N, C-alpha and C. Protein backbone atom coordinates (compact mmCIF):
# COMPACT_ATOMS: atom_id res chain seq x y z
N MET A 1 0.51 -1.37 -0.27
CA MET A 1 -0.07 0.14 -0.39
C MET A 1 1.04 1.66 0.49
N LYS A 2 1.87 1.40 1.06
CA LYS A 2 2.65 2.78 1.05
C LYS A 2 3.64 3.06 -0.49
N HIS A 3 4.00 1.55 -0.99
CA HIS A 3 4.80 1.88 -2.73
C HIS A 3 3.04 2.84 -3.46
N LEU A 4 1.94 2.13 -3.34
CA LEU A 4 1.14 2.32 -4.61
C LEU A 4 0.56 3.97 -4.24
N LEU A 5 0.69 4.56 -2.97
CA LEU A 5 0.66 6.13 -2.41
C LEU A 5 1.98 7.25 -3.23
N ARG A 6 2.50 6.74 -3.58
CA ARG A 6 4.18 7.25 -4.01
C ARG A 6 4.00 7.42 -5.56
N PRO A 7 3.21 6.34 -6.30
CA PRO A 7 3.50 7.18 -7.48
C PRO A 7 1.64 8.17 -7.88
N MET A 8 0.88 7.52 -7.03
CA MET A 8 -0.19 9.03 -6.59
C MET A 8 0.02 10.12 -6.57
N LEU A 9 0.82 10.29 -5.61
CA LEU A 9 1.99 11.75 -4.83
C LEU A 9 3.02 12.94 -6.06
N VAL A 10 2.95 12.22 -6.59
CA VAL A 10 4.19 12.98 -7.69
C VAL A 10 3.25 13.61 -8.52
N PRO A 11 2.32 12.50 -9.71
CA PRO A 11 1.86 13.63 -10.17
C PRO A 11 0.82 15.02 -9.88
N LEU A 12 0.12 14.46 -8.81
CA LEU A 12 -0.47 16.15 -7.65
C LEU A 12 0.94 16.83 -7.02
N LEU A 13 1.88 16.54 -7.19
CA LEU A 13 2.89 17.09 -6.59
C LEU A 13 3.58 18.02 -7.63
N VAL A 14 4.23 17.81 -9.21
CA VAL A 14 5.26 18.45 -9.56
C VAL A 14 3.82 19.78 -10.28
N PRO A 15 3.01 20.24 -10.37
CA PRO A 15 1.83 21.48 -11.17
C PRO A 15 2.47 22.18 -9.58
N VAL A 16 2.07 21.87 -8.18
CA VAL A 16 2.35 22.57 -6.66
C VAL A 16 3.60 23.01 -7.26
N LEU A 17 4.58 22.46 -6.92
CA LEU A 17 5.49 22.68 -7.31
C LEU A 17 6.37 24.07 -8.37
N ALA A 18 5.68 23.19 -9.72
CA ALA A 18 6.17 24.18 -10.13
C ALA A 18 5.59 25.62 -10.42
N ALA A 19 5.00 26.02 -9.25
CA ALA A 19 3.53 27.34 -9.06
C ALA A 19 4.54 27.81 -8.30
N VAL A 20 5.48 27.04 -7.03
CA VAL A 20 5.97 27.97 -5.78
C VAL A 20 7.28 27.77 -6.20
N LEU A 21 8.34 27.38 -6.87
CA LEU A 21 9.12 26.84 -6.86
C LEU A 21 10.10 28.34 -7.48
N PRO A 22 9.42 29.04 -8.66
CA PRO A 22 9.43 29.84 -9.46
C PRO A 22 9.45 31.49 -7.57
N ALA A 23 7.70 31.71 -7.48
CA ALA A 23 8.15 32.57 -6.59
C ALA A 23 9.13 32.73 -5.66
N LEU A 24 9.97 31.23 -5.34
CA LEU A 24 10.82 31.41 -4.13
C LEU A 24 11.86 31.97 -5.23
N ALA A 25 12.20 31.54 -5.82
CA ALA A 25 13.13 31.62 -6.47
C ALA A 25 13.10 34.11 -6.80
N LEU A 26 12.15 33.86 -7.39
CA LEU A 26 12.43 35.93 -7.36
C LEU A 26 12.31 36.45 -6.22
N ALA A 27 11.86 35.69 -5.03
CA ALA A 27 11.88 36.71 -3.45
C ALA A 27 13.13 36.75 -3.28
N ASP A 28 14.02 36.14 -3.94
CA ASP A 28 16.06 36.26 -3.31
C ASP A 28 16.12 36.92 -3.97
N ASP A 29 15.73 37.40 -5.60
CA ASP A 29 16.57 38.30 -6.52
C ASP A 29 16.95 39.77 -5.47
N VAL A 30 18.18 40.49 -5.78
CA VAL A 30 18.42 41.29 -5.06
C VAL A 30 18.14 41.95 -6.50
N ALA A 31 18.16 43.45 -6.74
CA ALA A 31 17.85 44.79 -7.91
C ALA A 31 18.50 45.79 -6.93
N THR A 32 19.74 46.72 -7.34
CA THR A 32 20.23 47.34 -7.05
C THR A 32 19.05 49.12 -8.36
N PRO A 33 19.66 50.37 -8.52
CA PRO A 33 19.46 51.15 -9.11
C PRO A 33 20.32 51.78 -9.80
N PRO A 34 20.35 52.05 -11.01
CA PRO A 34 21.86 53.15 -11.52
C PRO A 34 21.59 53.15 -10.45
N LYS A 35 23.09 53.95 -10.50
CA LYS A 35 23.79 55.23 -9.39
C LYS A 35 24.48 56.26 -10.39
N ARG A 36 24.25 56.98 -9.90
CA ARG A 36 24.68 58.56 -10.24
C ARG A 36 26.09 58.47 -9.71
N LEU A 37 27.55 58.89 -10.83
CA LEU A 37 28.64 58.54 -10.06
C LEU A 37 29.04 60.16 -10.45
N THR A 38 28.53 60.71 -10.88
CA THR A 38 29.32 62.52 -11.00
C THR A 38 27.96 63.08 -11.48
N GLU A 39 27.46 64.78 -11.03
CA GLU A 39 26.52 65.51 -10.81
C GLU A 39 26.70 65.77 -12.92
N PRO A 40 25.72 66.19 -12.72
CA PRO A 40 25.48 67.18 -14.17
C PRO A 40 25.73 68.80 -13.85
N PRO A 41 26.28 68.78 -15.34
CA PRO A 41 26.90 70.24 -15.32
C PRO A 41 25.17 70.90 -14.58
N GLU A 42 25.65 72.88 -13.84
CA GLU A 42 25.08 73.17 -13.23
C GLU A 42 23.81 73.92 -14.12
N ASP A 43 24.45 74.50 -15.79
CA ASP A 43 23.49 74.98 -16.29
C ASP A 43 22.71 74.04 -16.85
N THR A 44 22.63 72.51 -16.79
CA THR A 44 21.74 71.74 -17.31
C THR A 44 20.30 71.92 -16.62
N ASN A 45 20.87 72.26 -15.40
CA ASN A 45 19.28 72.59 -14.77
C ASN A 45 18.26 73.06 -15.72
N TYR A 46 18.60 74.14 -16.25
CA TYR A 46 17.65 75.71 -17.05
C TYR A 46 19.03 76.33 -17.15
N PRO A 47 19.43 76.16 -18.40
CA PRO A 47 19.46 76.84 -19.20
C PRO A 47 19.87 78.08 -19.27
N ALA A 48 21.07 78.92 -19.19
CA ALA A 48 20.85 80.46 -18.93
C ALA A 48 20.16 81.18 -20.23
N ALA A 49 20.23 80.56 -20.85
CA ALA A 49 19.98 80.97 -22.27
C ALA A 49 18.67 81.31 -22.14
N ALA A 50 17.70 79.69 -22.06
CA ALA A 50 16.31 80.30 -21.84
C ALA A 50 15.80 79.92 -20.68
N ARG A 51 16.84 80.54 -19.55
CA ARG A 51 15.34 81.71 -18.49
C ARG A 51 16.19 83.05 -19.18
N ARG A 52 17.04 83.38 -19.64
CA ARG A 52 16.31 85.16 -20.39
C ARG A 52 16.25 85.20 -21.19
N ARG A 53 15.86 84.12 -21.83
CA ARG A 53 14.55 84.31 -23.02
C ARG A 53 12.35 83.76 -22.64
N ASN A 54 12.84 83.50 -21.24
CA ASN A 54 11.90 83.48 -20.53
C ASN A 54 11.16 81.86 -20.85
N GLU A 55 12.18 81.68 -21.77
CA GLU A 55 11.54 79.72 -22.32
C GLU A 55 11.13 79.19 -21.23
N GLU A 56 9.94 78.54 -21.09
CA GLU A 56 9.09 77.32 -19.88
C GLU A 56 8.47 76.15 -21.62
N GLY A 57 8.51 74.76 -20.12
CA GLY A 57 8.35 74.13 -20.75
C GLY A 57 8.21 72.61 -20.45
N ILE A 58 7.45 71.72 -20.69
CA ILE A 58 7.73 70.67 -20.09
C ILE A 58 8.74 69.04 -21.25
N ALA A 59 9.71 68.26 -20.94
CA ALA A 59 10.19 67.57 -21.70
C ALA A 59 10.30 66.31 -21.02
N VAL A 60 9.55 65.03 -22.01
CA VAL A 60 9.92 64.42 -21.35
C VAL A 60 10.82 63.12 -22.18
N VAL A 61 11.67 62.32 -21.92
CA VAL A 61 13.22 62.07 -22.62
C VAL A 61 12.85 60.51 -21.56
N HIS A 62 12.76 59.56 -22.57
CA HIS A 62 13.17 57.77 -22.17
C HIS A 62 15.41 57.48 -22.27
N VAL A 63 15.56 56.56 -20.76
CA VAL A 63 16.66 57.46 -20.72
C VAL A 63 16.99 55.51 -20.59
N CYS A 64 18.31 55.07 -20.48
CA CYS A 64 18.47 53.89 -20.25
C CYS A 64 19.98 53.79 -19.90
N ILE A 65 20.51 53.23 -19.01
CA ILE A 65 21.69 52.87 -18.82
C ILE A 65 22.17 51.61 -19.17
N ALA A 66 22.85 51.47 -20.19
CA ALA A 66 23.66 50.20 -20.36
C ALA A 66 24.00 49.21 -18.54
N ALA A 67 25.00 47.60 -18.75
CA ALA A 67 24.90 47.36 -18.25
C ALA A 67 26.24 48.11 -17.88
N ASP A 68 27.14 48.18 -18.76
CA ASP A 68 28.42 49.32 -18.48
C ASP A 68 28.28 50.26 -17.99
N GLY A 69 27.52 51.09 -17.92
CA GLY A 69 27.08 51.98 -18.00
C GLY A 69 26.99 53.15 -18.90
N ALA A 70 26.76 52.89 -20.25
CA ALA A 70 26.80 53.27 -21.03
C ALA A 70 25.44 54.01 -20.64
N VAL A 71 25.26 55.34 -21.71
CA VAL A 71 23.92 56.41 -21.56
C VAL A 71 23.55 56.94 -23.03
N THR A 72 21.93 56.36 -23.12
CA THR A 72 21.15 56.81 -24.24
C THR A 72 20.00 56.86 -23.68
N THR A 73 19.68 58.52 -24.68
CA THR A 73 18.37 59.11 -24.05
C THR A 73 17.81 59.18 -26.21
N SER A 74 16.35 59.07 -25.33
CA SER A 74 15.53 59.94 -26.61
C SER A 74 14.29 60.73 -26.02
N LEU A 75 14.60 62.02 -27.01
CA LEU A 75 13.92 63.01 -26.79
C LEU A 75 11.82 62.18 -26.77
N LEU A 76 11.15 62.00 -26.63
CA LEU A 76 9.72 60.90 -26.40
C LEU A 76 8.90 62.59 -26.89
N THR A 77 8.76 64.04 -25.72
CA THR A 77 8.05 65.06 -26.69
C THR A 77 9.00 66.36 -25.36
N SER A 78 9.20 66.80 -26.39
CA SER A 78 9.40 68.26 -26.61
C SER A 78 9.20 69.04 -25.88
N SER A 79 10.01 69.85 -25.27
CA SER A 79 9.13 71.20 -24.37
C SER A 79 9.12 72.79 -24.59
N GLY A 80 9.07 72.58 -26.14
CA GLY A 80 9.29 73.30 -27.96
C GLY A 80 10.43 74.28 -28.12
N HIS A 81 11.41 74.17 -26.79
CA HIS A 81 12.42 74.46 -26.78
C HIS A 81 13.85 74.19 -27.08
N PRO A 82 14.12 73.63 -27.72
CA PRO A 82 15.41 73.00 -28.26
C PRO A 82 16.53 73.32 -26.61
N LEU A 83 16.94 74.85 -26.39
CA LEU A 83 18.09 74.03 -25.03
C LEU A 83 17.15 72.99 -24.61
N LEU A 84 15.94 73.57 -23.72
CA LEU A 84 15.20 72.99 -23.09
C LEU A 84 15.51 71.56 -22.89
N ASP A 85 15.01 70.86 -23.99
CA ASP A 85 15.20 69.91 -24.83
C ASP A 85 16.35 69.07 -24.63
N ASP A 86 17.69 69.31 -25.26
CA ASP A 86 18.35 69.20 -24.87
C ASP A 86 19.86 69.55 -23.30
N ALA A 87 19.21 69.71 -22.98
CA ALA A 87 18.56 70.10 -20.98
C ALA A 87 18.41 68.58 -20.68
N ALA A 88 17.77 68.36 -21.35
CA ALA A 88 16.69 67.75 -19.81
C ALA A 88 17.85 66.04 -20.15
N GLN A 89 18.07 66.22 -21.59
CA GLN A 89 18.97 64.65 -22.22
C GLN A 89 20.16 65.12 -21.78
N ASP A 90 20.50 66.14 -21.47
CA ASP A 90 22.11 66.32 -20.56
C ASP A 90 22.07 66.23 -19.12
N GLN A 91 20.95 66.08 -18.34
CA GLN A 91 21.51 65.05 -16.62
C GLN A 91 21.40 64.33 -16.98
N PHE A 92 21.27 63.74 -18.06
CA PHE A 92 22.24 62.18 -17.67
C PHE A 92 22.82 61.74 -19.10
N ARG A 93 23.30 62.40 -19.75
CA ARG A 93 24.52 62.13 -21.09
C ARG A 93 25.82 62.93 -20.61
N LEU A 94 25.34 63.90 -19.88
CA LEU A 94 26.17 64.48 -19.21
C LEU A 94 26.82 63.55 -18.05
N VAL A 95 26.86 63.03 -17.59
CA VAL A 95 26.91 62.08 -16.10
C VAL A 95 27.43 60.84 -16.48
N ARG A 96 28.53 60.46 -15.41
CA ARG A 96 29.40 58.69 -14.80
C ARG A 96 28.38 57.85 -14.22
N TRP A 97 27.59 57.14 -14.91
CA TRP A 97 26.81 56.31 -14.08
C TRP A 97 26.98 54.86 -13.69
N LYS A 98 26.90 54.06 -12.64
CA LYS A 98 27.45 52.80 -12.12
C LYS A 98 25.74 51.92 -12.89
N ALA A 99 26.24 50.54 -13.63
CA ALA A 99 24.65 50.11 -13.98
C ALA A 99 23.74 49.71 -12.45
N ALA A 100 22.57 49.20 -13.18
CA ALA A 100 21.98 48.35 -12.22
C ALA A 100 22.21 47.20 -12.26
N THR A 101 22.32 46.08 -11.27
CA THR A 101 22.60 45.18 -11.02
C THR A 101 21.34 44.77 -10.86
N LEU A 102 20.96 42.71 -11.08
CA LEU A 102 19.94 42.32 -10.82
C LEU A 102 21.03 40.95 -9.75
N ASN A 103 20.57 40.79 -8.81
CA ASN A 103 21.68 39.82 -7.90
C ASN A 103 23.47 39.85 -7.98
N GLY A 104 23.43 41.07 -8.02
CA GLY A 104 25.19 41.41 -8.62
C GLY A 104 25.74 41.52 -9.30
N VAL A 105 24.77 41.10 -10.65
CA VAL A 105 25.23 41.55 -12.19
C VAL A 105 24.51 42.88 -12.58
N PRO A 106 26.13 43.45 -13.75
CA PRO A 106 24.97 44.48 -13.65
C PRO A 106 23.94 43.89 -15.29
N VAL A 107 23.29 45.10 -14.59
CA VAL A 107 21.90 45.25 -15.99
C VAL A 107 21.16 45.82 -16.85
N GLU A 108 20.56 46.36 -17.95
CA GLU A 108 20.51 47.42 -18.51
C GLU A 108 18.67 47.92 -17.18
N ARG A 109 18.83 49.44 -17.48
CA ARG A 109 17.53 49.72 -16.87
C ARG A 109 17.23 50.63 -17.44
N CYS A 110 16.11 50.77 -18.17
CA CYS A 110 15.18 52.34 -18.11
C CYS A 110 14.06 52.80 -17.75
N TRP A 111 13.69 53.89 -18.33
CA TRP A 111 12.89 55.05 -17.54
C TRP A 111 12.23 55.82 -18.42
N ASP A 112 11.07 56.96 -18.27
CA ASP A 112 10.51 57.61 -19.07
C ASP A 112 11.37 59.25 -17.66
N TYR A 113 12.00 60.65 -17.46
CA TYR A 113 12.25 61.51 -16.98
C TYR A 113 11.63 62.28 -17.25
N THR A 114 10.52 63.29 -16.63
CA THR A 114 9.74 64.27 -17.43
C THR A 114 10.82 65.66 -16.66
N ALA A 115 10.94 66.19 -17.37
CA ALA A 115 11.74 67.10 -16.96
C ALA A 115 10.76 69.24 -16.85
N ARG A 116 10.58 69.54 -15.79
CA ARG A 116 9.38 70.44 -15.85
C ARG A 116 10.30 72.02 -15.78
N TYR A 117 9.97 72.55 -17.17
CA TYR A 117 11.00 74.16 -16.79
C TYR A 117 9.46 75.13 -16.30
N CYS A 118 9.92 75.62 -15.59
CA CYS A 118 8.97 77.08 -15.14
C CYS A 118 10.47 78.10 -14.39
N LEU A 119 8.75 79.24 -15.20
CA LEU A 119 9.91 80.59 -15.03
C LEU A 119 8.31 81.25 -14.01
N GLN A 120 9.05 81.41 -12.41
CA GLN A 120 7.64 82.56 -11.72
C GLN A 120 9.08 84.20 -11.38
N GLY A 121 8.34 85.62 -12.47
CA GLY A 121 9.26 85.98 -11.88
C GLY A 121 11.30 85.75 -11.97
N GLY A 122 11.30 85.02 -12.81
CA GLY A 122 12.39 85.65 -13.71
C GLY A 122 13.00 84.15 -12.67
N VAL A 123 12.62 82.95 -11.04
CA VAL A 123 13.61 82.46 -10.38
C VAL A 123 12.43 80.71 -11.16
N VAL A 124 13.59 79.69 -11.07
CA VAL A 124 12.74 78.39 -11.22
C VAL A 124 11.98 78.03 -11.03
N CYS A 125 10.48 77.64 -11.36
CA CYS A 125 9.87 76.93 -10.34
C CYS A 125 10.05 75.83 -9.37
N SER A 126 9.08 74.98 -8.88
CA SER A 126 8.59 73.91 -9.35
C SER A 126 7.84 73.69 -9.18
N PRO A 127 6.77 71.93 -9.20
CA PRO A 127 5.56 71.62 -8.90
C PRO A 127 5.54 71.45 -7.84
N PHE A 128 6.61 71.56 -6.42
CA PHE A 128 6.59 71.40 -5.74
C PHE A 128 6.78 72.01 -4.33
N GLY A 129 6.81 73.68 -5.29
CA GLY A 129 6.95 74.62 -4.71
C GLY A 129 8.22 74.80 -4.22
N GLU A 130 8.90 74.27 -4.13
CA GLU A 130 10.89 74.44 -4.04
C GLU A 130 11.30 75.74 -5.22
N ARG A 131 11.67 76.13 -4.91
CA ARG A 131 11.96 77.63 -6.49
C ARG A 131 13.58 77.93 -5.85
N GLY A 132 14.40 78.31 -6.76
CA GLY A 132 15.85 78.43 -7.03
C GLY A 132 16.46 77.29 -7.27
N ARG A 133 16.45 75.96 -7.76
CA ARG A 133 16.97 74.94 -7.81
C ARG A 133 16.12 73.91 -9.15
N SER A 134 16.97 72.85 -9.40
CA SER A 134 16.41 71.47 -10.64
C SER A 134 14.89 71.62 -10.54
N ILE A 135 13.91 71.90 -11.60
CA ILE A 135 12.58 71.17 -11.12
C ILE A 135 12.58 69.96 -12.21
N ALA A 136 14.21 69.31 -12.44
CA ALA A 136 13.27 68.01 -12.67
C ALA A 136 13.44 66.77 -12.16
N SER A 137 12.10 65.85 -12.59
CA SER A 137 11.79 64.53 -11.49
C SER A 137 11.89 63.53 -12.54
N PRO A 138 12.38 62.15 -11.93
CA PRO A 138 12.73 61.20 -12.63
C PRO A 138 11.56 60.77 -12.69
N GLN A 139 10.94 60.21 -12.91
CA GLN A 139 9.69 58.86 -13.24
C GLN A 139 10.24 57.14 -13.03
N HIS A 140 9.78 56.02 -12.78
CA HIS A 140 10.36 54.76 -13.06
C HIS A 140 8.91 54.41 -13.49
């Protein structure tokens, strides 16, 4: 009787193990985001020439940091001003990066980044009510 139960249990356990084992493996994965190793030039926050011309707008940039730390950007939505569009991309292109990792192995990570450029009385403003600093905010 004991030997008859074992063959009957194997077909029942296979689907259960197949469902549970991948979930257990994913629970152990350790991921780290890309890390900025250097800061972008100050003028990429809000180019002085764009400020003098009172240029405002929102640029959306797709950013990828490769496993080797190389950066690629593509403009998804223009702010309507080339200086602001370039500055939004330069926030990433002019910076050295350490790649994201998954279980200690460098991997590529991509996300969309929204850069909001606005002025209130000639002072840089942000949607968060802060004044006088970069108003670009990354999204994941």
